[in-house]
Every structure is written in C-alpha cells, then in structure tokens.
C-alpha cells in the first residue's frame, strides 16, 4: 500500500474541501500520500462525525463471494474518512492481510496467541501504512485454532472478551472471516454488533444464507446473543445475466429486511487491486467497484446510525 498516491482533487473529495484549500494546507500541488490525510484533516479541522463504536463482521459460509476484497476496502475507506479502524484477519490463508499490503508469513504472532494464550490484542496489532488503520494479521498458524479452542472454558466468548479493551481505542473493528463454520467464526459472531453478508446473485447463495441464518437463530436461542444489524450485499453483479437478475429478485423477495438497496457491480479492478496488495479505494477510486462500495458503506452507516438513534445510543 506504500505506493498509494492521491491527487489534490481526491483529497478534497475525502475531507470535504476545495482543491485550493488542500494545496494551501499541504503546501504543494501533487505527490500526496496516505500520511497526508491526517495532516490535512488537522489543518482544516475536518474530523469525522461521531459514530457509535461498531464491531462489523464480514462472513458467508459459502466461498467465492469476494468477501475479503469488500471487507478490506471497506475498512480502508473508513480510515480515509478519519475513523480509527482495526482490521482483524480471521482466515489462515491471510488474504485480508495480503490485501492490505502485508505478508502473513512474516508475522510470528496472530489472533491465535490472543485467543489461546490470552496475549493482549494490541501486542499482535501492526500498522498498515494508512494512518488510523491497524491490522491483526493472519497466516497458517491460524489453521489449528478451532482445535485449540475446543477444550477451553468459555471458548465461544474468547474473541469478545479479547476485544473489550480495544473497543474504546477504535471507532470500527472490521472482521474478515473464512468461509466455514467452526469455533472461530462462532467467536466472531458472538463478538460482532453488525453482520455483513456478501453474496453472489446466484441461487447457490441461498444455501449459504440459509445455514448462516439458522446459525444466527441458534445464537439467539442458546447463547442469548442478538446481532444489532444484519446486511446482505450483492457482489459482482452483472445486469446482463438473466440468472443474476432473477436471483436478485428472489433475494429481494425473501430477504427484504436485510438486503441492501445498493449492489456492487462486477469489476475487474478488485482483483487487480488485491494482486497489488491495495484496497480498491487506493488502487482506483473512480472505478465502478469503488463507487458501488462507497454507496454500500454509506447505506450501512446510515442504517446503523438510524437504528442506534432509535435505541438512544450516544454518538448516533
């Protein structure tokens, strides 16, 4: 991500200023990087709107939905907005770690040490290059975590307990989970306030959704945990495919309460950005993928804020 560069126009869009104000505040017309964002915000006094602390989990038991590309870019965009963000990679493949420009194999400690050995989470947190965006990396050491959790007391609550001290330090904690069901993902569901479910506009997505909603219902009944918000976002949507249009219609009929109005259109820039170890907003902020994900984030934040306000939560 160290190669991310901003134009004065893009910085102006991010902080809600004019290009002239950006150039005047930073003292130059080009060559801007991620480190310039907090400097610009400080000089222009452009702080983000207060927001209730969130732990947002990106999860689908079905693989191949583009979940990691969405979650890492989502977290990056929150940091661009000026929020303090912690990204936690829960997948032993370390794809979220790679999408944020880090190599998982270079780290000796991951969430495994936090959950199994009760190492404070700040001790395994690393910077990403984007100010305000920190990362708990993942690698193959995470592959045995379900087995390691099995005999432990309070095994379902280890992540929630580990995050208690971190919540106050971050505005958002974003979790990227592997496409599987196990104790690690159960921990993630128990820790989350909001669940974001990326799906493809195909009928195979229904199996993953059905299993996930059955699991959520079980959490409510057996462990007395209720997610505050659930959002389904259609990813890689291609309007030209009849089957995609039909699947979207079916999702709107059966999951109307959870389905976002915004869809993320099919966009090759996501794959290109991931191969460069860069979120879509740092790779090509003008791409249709970035434009759609921006709208998704706005819709999610708007719904969360409205729900929090209705519940009388401070900061909403």
Protein backbone atom coordinates (compact mmCIF):
# COMPACT_ATOMS: atom_id res chain seq x y z
CA UNK A 1 0.00 0.00 0.00
CA UNK A 2 3.03 2.26 0.21
CA UNK A 3 2.51 3.15 -3.46
CA UNK A 4 -0.92 4.71 -2.89
CA UNK A 5 -1.00 8.27 -4.17
CA UNK A 6 -3.69 10.92 -4.04
CA UNK A 7 -4.44 13.89 -6.26
CA UNK A 8 -5.47 17.17 -4.70
CA UNK A 9 -8.93 16.56 -6.19
CA UNK A 10 -9.27 13.21 -4.45
CA UNK A 11 -8.07 14.56 -1.11
CA UNK A 12 -10.57 17.39 -1.43
CA UNK A 13 -13.35 14.86 -2.01
CA UNK A 14 -12.33 12.79 1.01
CA UNK A 15 -12.19 15.63 3.53
CA UNK A 16 -14.95 17.77 2.03
CA UNK A 17 -12.81 20.72 0.97
CA UNK A 18 -11.76 22.50 -2.22
CA UNK A 19 -8.60 21.71 -4.16
CA UNK A 20 -7.35 25.18 -3.37
CA UNK A 21 -7.74 24.52 0.36
CA UNK A 22 -5.85 21.23 0.03
CA UNK A 23 -2.94 22.81 -1.84
CA UNK A 24 -2.79 25.70 0.61
CA UNK A 25 -2.89 23.44 3.68
CA UNK A 26 -0.26 20.96 2.44
CA UNK A 27 1.95 23.45 0.61
CA UNK A 28 2.17 21.59 -2.72
CA UNK A 29 0.05 20.64 -5.70
CA UNK A 30 0.81 16.92 -6.10
CA UNK A 31 2.70 13.94 -4.72
CA UNK A 32 0.26 13.28 -1.90
CA UNK A 33 0.29 10.03 0.08
CA UNK A 34 -1.68 8.38 2.85
CA UNK A 35 0.28 10.18 5.56
CA UNK A 36 -1.04 13.50 4.26
CA UNK A 37 -4.63 12.67 5.19
CA UNK A 38 -4.40 13.19 8.98
CA UNK A 39 -2.25 16.27 8.45
CA UNK A 40 -4.85 17.74 6.12
CA UNK A 41 -7.70 16.92 8.49
CA UNK A 42 -5.87 18.57 11.36
CA UNK A 43 -5.09 21.74 9.42
CA UNK A 44 -8.59 22.08 8.02
CA UNK A 45 -10.26 20.94 11.25
CA UNK A 46 -12.20 18.26 9.37
CA UNK A 47 -12.92 15.49 11.84
CA UNK A 48 -15.39 12.68 11.11
CA UNK A 49 -18.84 12.73 12.60
CA UNK A 50 -19.07 10.89 15.94
CA UNK A 51 -20.29 7.35 15.45
CA UNK A 52 -21.25 4.60 17.92
CA UNK A 53 -18.46 2.00 18.26
CA UNK A 54 -19.03 -0.95 15.93
CA UNK A 55 -17.65 -4.44 15.51
CA UNK A 56 -18.59 -5.42 11.97
CA UNK A 57 -18.16 -8.98 10.73
CA UNK A 58 -17.93 -9.90 7.04
CA UNK A 59 -18.97 -13.54 6.78
CA UNK A 60 -20.55 -16.03 4.43
CA UNK A 61 -20.26 -19.80 4.82
CA UNK A 62 -20.11 -20.00 1.03
CA UNK A 63 -16.75 -19.17 -0.51
CA UNK A 64 -16.02 -17.13 -3.60
CA UNK A 65 -18.28 -14.18 -2.79
CA UNK A 66 -15.50 -11.56 -2.80
CA UNK A 67 -15.85 -11.03 0.93
CA UNK A 68 -12.21 -10.18 1.60
CA UNK A 69 -11.92 -7.63 -1.19
CA UNK A 70 -15.02 -5.91 0.15
CA UNK A 71 -14.07 -6.02 3.83
CA UNK A 72 -10.53 -4.70 3.41
CA UNK A 73 -11.61 -1.91 1.08
CA UNK A 74 -14.50 -1.11 3.43
CA UNK A 75 -12.08 -0.80 6.37
CA UNK A 76 -9.66 1.30 4.32
CA UNK A 77 -12.44 3.69 3.32
CA UNK A 78 -13.48 4.12 6.95
CA UNK A 79 -9.90 5.08 7.76
CA UNK A 80 -9.91 7.54 4.86
CA UNK A 81 -12.96 9.12 6.45
CA UNK A 82 -10.87 9.71 9.57
CA UNK A 83 -12.22 6.92 11.76
CA UNK A 84 -9.93 4.77 13.89
CA UNK A 85 -10.17 1.27 12.41
CA UNK A 86 -8.85 -2.15 13.40
CA UNK A 87 -8.95 -4.85 10.72
CA UNK A 88 -8.77 -8.41 12.04
CA UNK A 89 -7.92 -11.22 9.63
CA UNK A 90 -9.52 -14.46 10.84
CA UNK A 91 -8.58 -16.59 7.84
CA UNK A 92 -5.45 -18.77 7.95
CA UNK A 93 -4.92 -18.04 4.25
CA UNK A 94 -4.19 -14.44 5.24
CA UNK A 95 -5.95 -12.90 2.25
CA UNK A 96 -7.09 -9.80 4.13
CA UNK A 97 -3.53 -9.37 5.35
CA UNK A 98 -2.29 -9.52 1.75
CA UNK A 99 -5.00 -7.14 0.53
CA UNK A 100 -3.64 -4.55 2.96
CA UNK A 101 -0.11 -4.91 1.63
CA UNK A 102 1.30 -7.21 4.32
CA UNK A 103 2.76 -10.71 4.07
CA UNK A 104 1.21 -13.01 6.67
CA UNK A 105 4.18 -15.37 6.85
CA UNK A 106 6.38 -12.53 8.12
CA UNK A 107 4.47 -12.34 11.40
CA UNK A 108 5.18 -14.67 14.31
CA UNK A 109 2.02 -13.83 16.23
CA UNK A 110 -1.60 -13.69 15.11
CA UNK A 111 -5.04 -13.84 16.67
CA UNK A 112 -4.15 -17.41 17.67
CA UNK A 113 -2.00 -16.08 20.51
CA UNK A 114 -4.75 -13.69 21.58
CA UNK A 115 -7.47 -16.33 21.81
CA UNK A 116 -5.43 -19.29 23.05
CA UNK A 117 -2.72 -17.69 25.18
CA UNK A 118 -4.64 -14.53 26.10
CA UNK A 119 -1.94 -12.23 24.71
CA UNK A 120 -3.35 -8.65 24.66
CA UNK A 121 -4.58 -7.88 21.17
CA UNK A 122 -2.50 -4.69 20.95
CA UNK A 123 0.65 -6.85 21.11
CA UNK A 124 -0.20 -8.56 17.80
CA UNK A 125 -1.55 -5.44 16.07
CA UNK A 126 0.56 -3.92 13.29
CA UNK A 127 0.32 -0.70 11.22
CA UNK A 128 -0.75 -0.85 7.58
CA UNK A 129 0.69 2.37 6.18
CA UNK A 130 -2.72 4.04 6.21
CA UNK A 131 -2.97 6.23 9.33
CA UNK A 132 -5.88 5.16 11.55
CA UNK A 133 -5.95 1.66 10.02
CA UNK A 134 -4.32 -1.11 12.06
CA UNK A 135 -4.24 -4.83 11.36
CA UNK A 136 -4.23 -8.09 13.27
CA UNK A 137 -2.60 -10.31 10.62
CA UNK A 138 -3.23 -13.99 9.85
CA UNK A 139 -1.19 -16.86 8.48
CA UNK A 140 -1.16 -20.65 8.50
CA UNK A 141 -0.66 -20.67 12.28
CA UNK A 142 -4.39 -19.87 12.46
CA UNK A 143 -5.33 -23.19 10.82
CA UNK A 144 -5.39 -25.13 14.10
CA UNK A 145 -7.29 -22.56 16.12
CA UNK A 146 -10.63 -24.41 16.18
CA UNK A 147 -8.96 -27.48 17.67
CA UNK A 148 -7.07 -25.36 20.18
CA UNK A 149 -10.28 -23.63 21.27
CA UNK A 150 -12.21 -26.87 21.74
CA UNK A 151 -11.12 -27.75 25.32
CA UNK A 152 -11.02 -24.19 26.65
CA UNK A 153 -13.50 -22.75 29.10
CA UNK A 154 -15.70 -20.02 27.65
CA UNK A 155 -14.48 -20.96 24.18
CA UNK A 156 -17.34 -19.13 22.40
CA UNK A 157 -16.54 -15.81 24.11
CA UNK A 158 -12.75 -15.60 23.75
CA UNK A 159 -12.78 -13.03 20.96
CA UNK A 160 -15.48 -10.90 22.55
CA UNK A 161 -13.50 -10.81 25.79
CA UNK A 162 -10.25 -10.03 23.95
CA UNK A 163 -11.86 -7.05 22.22
CA UNK A 164 -13.32 -5.47 25.35
CA UNK A 165 -10.25 -3.34 25.96
CA UNK A 166 -9.81 -2.50 22.25
CA UNK A 167 -13.31 -1.21 21.57
CA UNK A 168 -12.62 2.16 23.20
CA UNK A 169 -9.49 2.68 21.09
CA UNK A 170 -11.24 2.19 17.75
CA UNK A 171 -14.38 3.53 16.13
CA UNK A 172 -14.72 0.43 13.98
CA UNK A 173 -13.38 -3.10 14.29
CA UNK A 174 -13.80 -4.97 11.00
CA UNK A 175 -13.53 -8.77 10.99
CA UNK A 176 -12.85 -10.79 7.86
CA UNK A 177 -13.88 -14.41 8.46
CA UNK A 178 -13.13 -17.60 6.50
CA UNK A 179 -16.00 -19.27 4.57
CA UNK A 180 -16.55 -22.04 7.07
CA UNK A 181 -18.42 -22.89 10.25
CA UNK A 182 -16.40 -23.53 13.40
CA UNK A 183 -15.47 -22.18 16.78
CA UNK A 184 -13.51 -19.24 15.36
CA UNK A 185 -16.46 -17.98 13.35
CA UNK A 186 -18.75 -18.65 16.30
CA UNK A 187 -16.44 -16.39 18.32
CA UNK A 188 -16.69 -13.75 15.60
CA UNK A 189 -20.49 -13.89 15.58
CA UNK A 190 -20.58 -13.60 19.37
CA UNK A 191 -18.28 -10.56 19.27
CA UNK A 192 -19.96 -8.68 16.42
CA UNK A 193 -22.54 -5.93 16.64
CA UNK A 194 -23.20 -5.95 12.88
CA UNK A 195 -23.02 -8.74 10.31
CA UNK A 196 -22.33 -8.03 6.63
CA UNK A 197 -23.03 -10.97 4.32
CA UNK A 198 -21.62 -10.64 0.79
CA UNK A 199 -23.47 -12.87 -1.69
CA UNK A 200 -23.41 -13.50 -5.39
CA UNK A 201 -26.56 -13.16 -7.46
CA UNK A 202 -26.93 -16.90 -7.98
CA UNK A 203 -29.18 -19.47 -6.42
CA UNK A 204 -26.32 -21.35 -4.76
CA UNK A 205 -26.05 -18.37 -2.41
CA UNK A 206 -29.30 -19.43 -0.81
CA UNK A 207 -27.69 -22.48 0.80
CA UNK A 208 -25.04 -20.34 2.49
CA UNK A 209 -27.65 -17.80 3.62
CA UNK A 210 -29.98 -20.45 4.98
CA UNK A 211 -27.23 -22.08 7.06
CA UNK A 212 -25.99 -18.72 8.30
CA UNK A 213 -29.43 -17.56 9.39
CA UNK A 214 -30.05 -20.90 11.12
CA UNK A 215 -26.78 -20.37 13.00
CA UNK A 216 -27.77 -16.84 13.97
CA UNK A 217 -31.11 -18.11 15.25
CA UNK A 218 -29.26 -20.69 17.32
CA UNK A 219 -27.08 -17.99 18.87
CA UNK A 220 -30.17 -16.08 19.90
CA UNK A 221 -31.81 -19.12 21.44
CA UNK A 222 -28.83 -20.91 23.01
CA UNK A 223 -26.34 -18.14 23.83
CA UNK A 224 -28.67 -15.14 24.17
CA UNK A 225 -26.72 -13.09 21.63
CA UNK A 226 -28.53 -10.96 19.12
CA UNK A 227 -26.79 -9.07 16.35
CA UNK A 228 -27.89 -5.45 16.19
CA UNK A 229 -27.85 -5.26 12.40
CA UNK A 230 -27.62 -7.74 9.53
CA UNK A 231 -26.85 -6.57 6.00
CA UNK A 232 -26.80 -8.64 2.82
CA UNK A 233 -24.85 -7.08 -0.03
CA UNK A 234 -24.91 -8.46 -3.57
CA UNK A 235 -21.39 -8.51 -5.01
CA UNK A 236 -20.02 -8.93 -8.55
CA UNK A 237 -23.45 -8.27 -10.03
CA UNK A 238 -23.80 -8.44 -13.82
CA UNK A 239 -27.08 -6.95 -15.04
CA UNK A 240 -26.70 -8.61 -18.45
CA UNK A 241 -27.14 -12.12 -16.99
CA UNK A 242 -30.76 -13.22 -16.75
CA UNK A 243 -29.97 -15.62 -13.91
CA UNK A 244 -28.38 -12.76 -11.94
CA UNK A 245 -31.48 -10.59 -12.35
CA UNK A 246 -33.72 -13.46 -11.29
CA UNK A 247 -31.55 -14.27 -8.27
CA UNK A 248 -31.54 -10.63 -7.20
CA UNK A 249 -35.31 -10.56 -7.45
CA UNK A 250 -35.55 -13.67 -5.29
CA UNK A 251 -33.22 -12.16 -2.69
CA UNK A 252 -35.36 -9.02 -2.61
CA UNK A 253 -38.46 -11.16 -2.08
CA UNK A 254 -37.12 -13.46 0.65
CA UNK A 255 -34.57 -11.25 2.45
CA UNK A 256 -36.09 -7.80 2.02
CA UNK A 257 -35.42 -6.80 5.63
CA UNK A 258 -31.69 -7.42 5.29
CA UNK A 259 -30.81 -6.82 1.64
CA UNK A 260 -29.12 -3.51 0.87
CA UNK A 261 -30.55 -1.42 -1.92
CA UNK A 262 -27.06 -0.95 -3.34
CA UNK A 263 -25.37 -3.71 -5.32
CA UNK A 264 -21.67 -3.94 -6.15
CA UNK A 265 -21.27 -4.43 -9.87
CA UNK A 266 -18.81 -6.88 -11.37
CA UNK A 267 -15.47 -5.08 -11.52
CA UNK A 268 -12.08 -6.49 -12.53
CA UNK A 269 -10.34 -3.70 -10.61
CA UNK A 270 -10.99 -5.59 -7.35
CA UNK A 271 -8.80 -8.49 -8.49
CA UNK A 272 -6.15 -6.13 -9.81
CA UNK A 273 -6.12 -4.18 -6.57
CA UNK A 274 -5.82 -7.36 -4.48
CA UNK A 275 -2.88 -8.55 -6.56
CA UNK A 276 -1.16 -5.26 -5.78
CA UNK A 277 -1.88 -5.56 -2.06
CA UNK A 278 -4.06 -2.48 -2.17
CA UNK A 279 -7.74 -1.76 -1.39
CA UNK A 280 -9.88 -0.62 -4.30
CA UNK A 281 -10.05 2.97 -2.99
CA UNK A 282 -6.27 3.25 -3.04
CA UNK A 283 -5.98 1.50 -6.42
CA UNK A 284 -8.71 3.19 -8.45
CA UNK A 285 -11.18 5.33 -6.51
CA UNK A 286 -13.04 6.18 -9.72
CA UNK A 287 -13.76 2.55 -10.68
CA UNK A 288 -17.33 1.28 -10.60
CA UNK A 289 -16.33 -1.14 -7.84
CA UNK A 290 -15.13 1.70 -5.63
CA UNK A 291 -18.18 3.81 -6.49
CA UNK A 292 -20.54 0.97 -5.57
CA UNK A 293 -18.72 0.06 -2.36
CA UNK A 294 -18.78 3.72 -1.33
CA UNK A 295 -22.57 3.63 -1.74
CA UNK A 296 -22.74 0.35 0.21
CA UNK A 297 -20.80 1.87 3.09
CA UNK A 298 -22.95 4.98 3.11
CA UNK A 299 -26.08 2.82 3.22
CA UNK A 300 -24.73 0.63 6.04
CA UNK A 301 -23.60 3.60 8.11
CA UNK A 302 -26.92 5.32 7.55
CA UNK A 303 -28.89 2.27 8.67
CA UNK A 304 -26.65 1.73 11.71
CA UNK A 305 -26.94 5.36 12.71
CA UNK A 306 -30.73 5.29 12.35
CA UNK A 307 -31.02 2.09 14.41
CA UNK A 308 -28.68 3.46 17.09
CA UNK A 309 -30.61 6.73 17.24
CA UNK A 310 -33.88 4.84 17.63
CA UNK A 311 -32.30 2.91 20.52
CA UNK A 312 -30.97 6.12 22.10
CA UNK A 313 -27.29 5.23 21.69
CA UNK A 314 -24.79 8.07 22.24
CA UNK A 315 -22.92 9.23 19.13
CA UNK A 316 -25.70 8.25 16.76
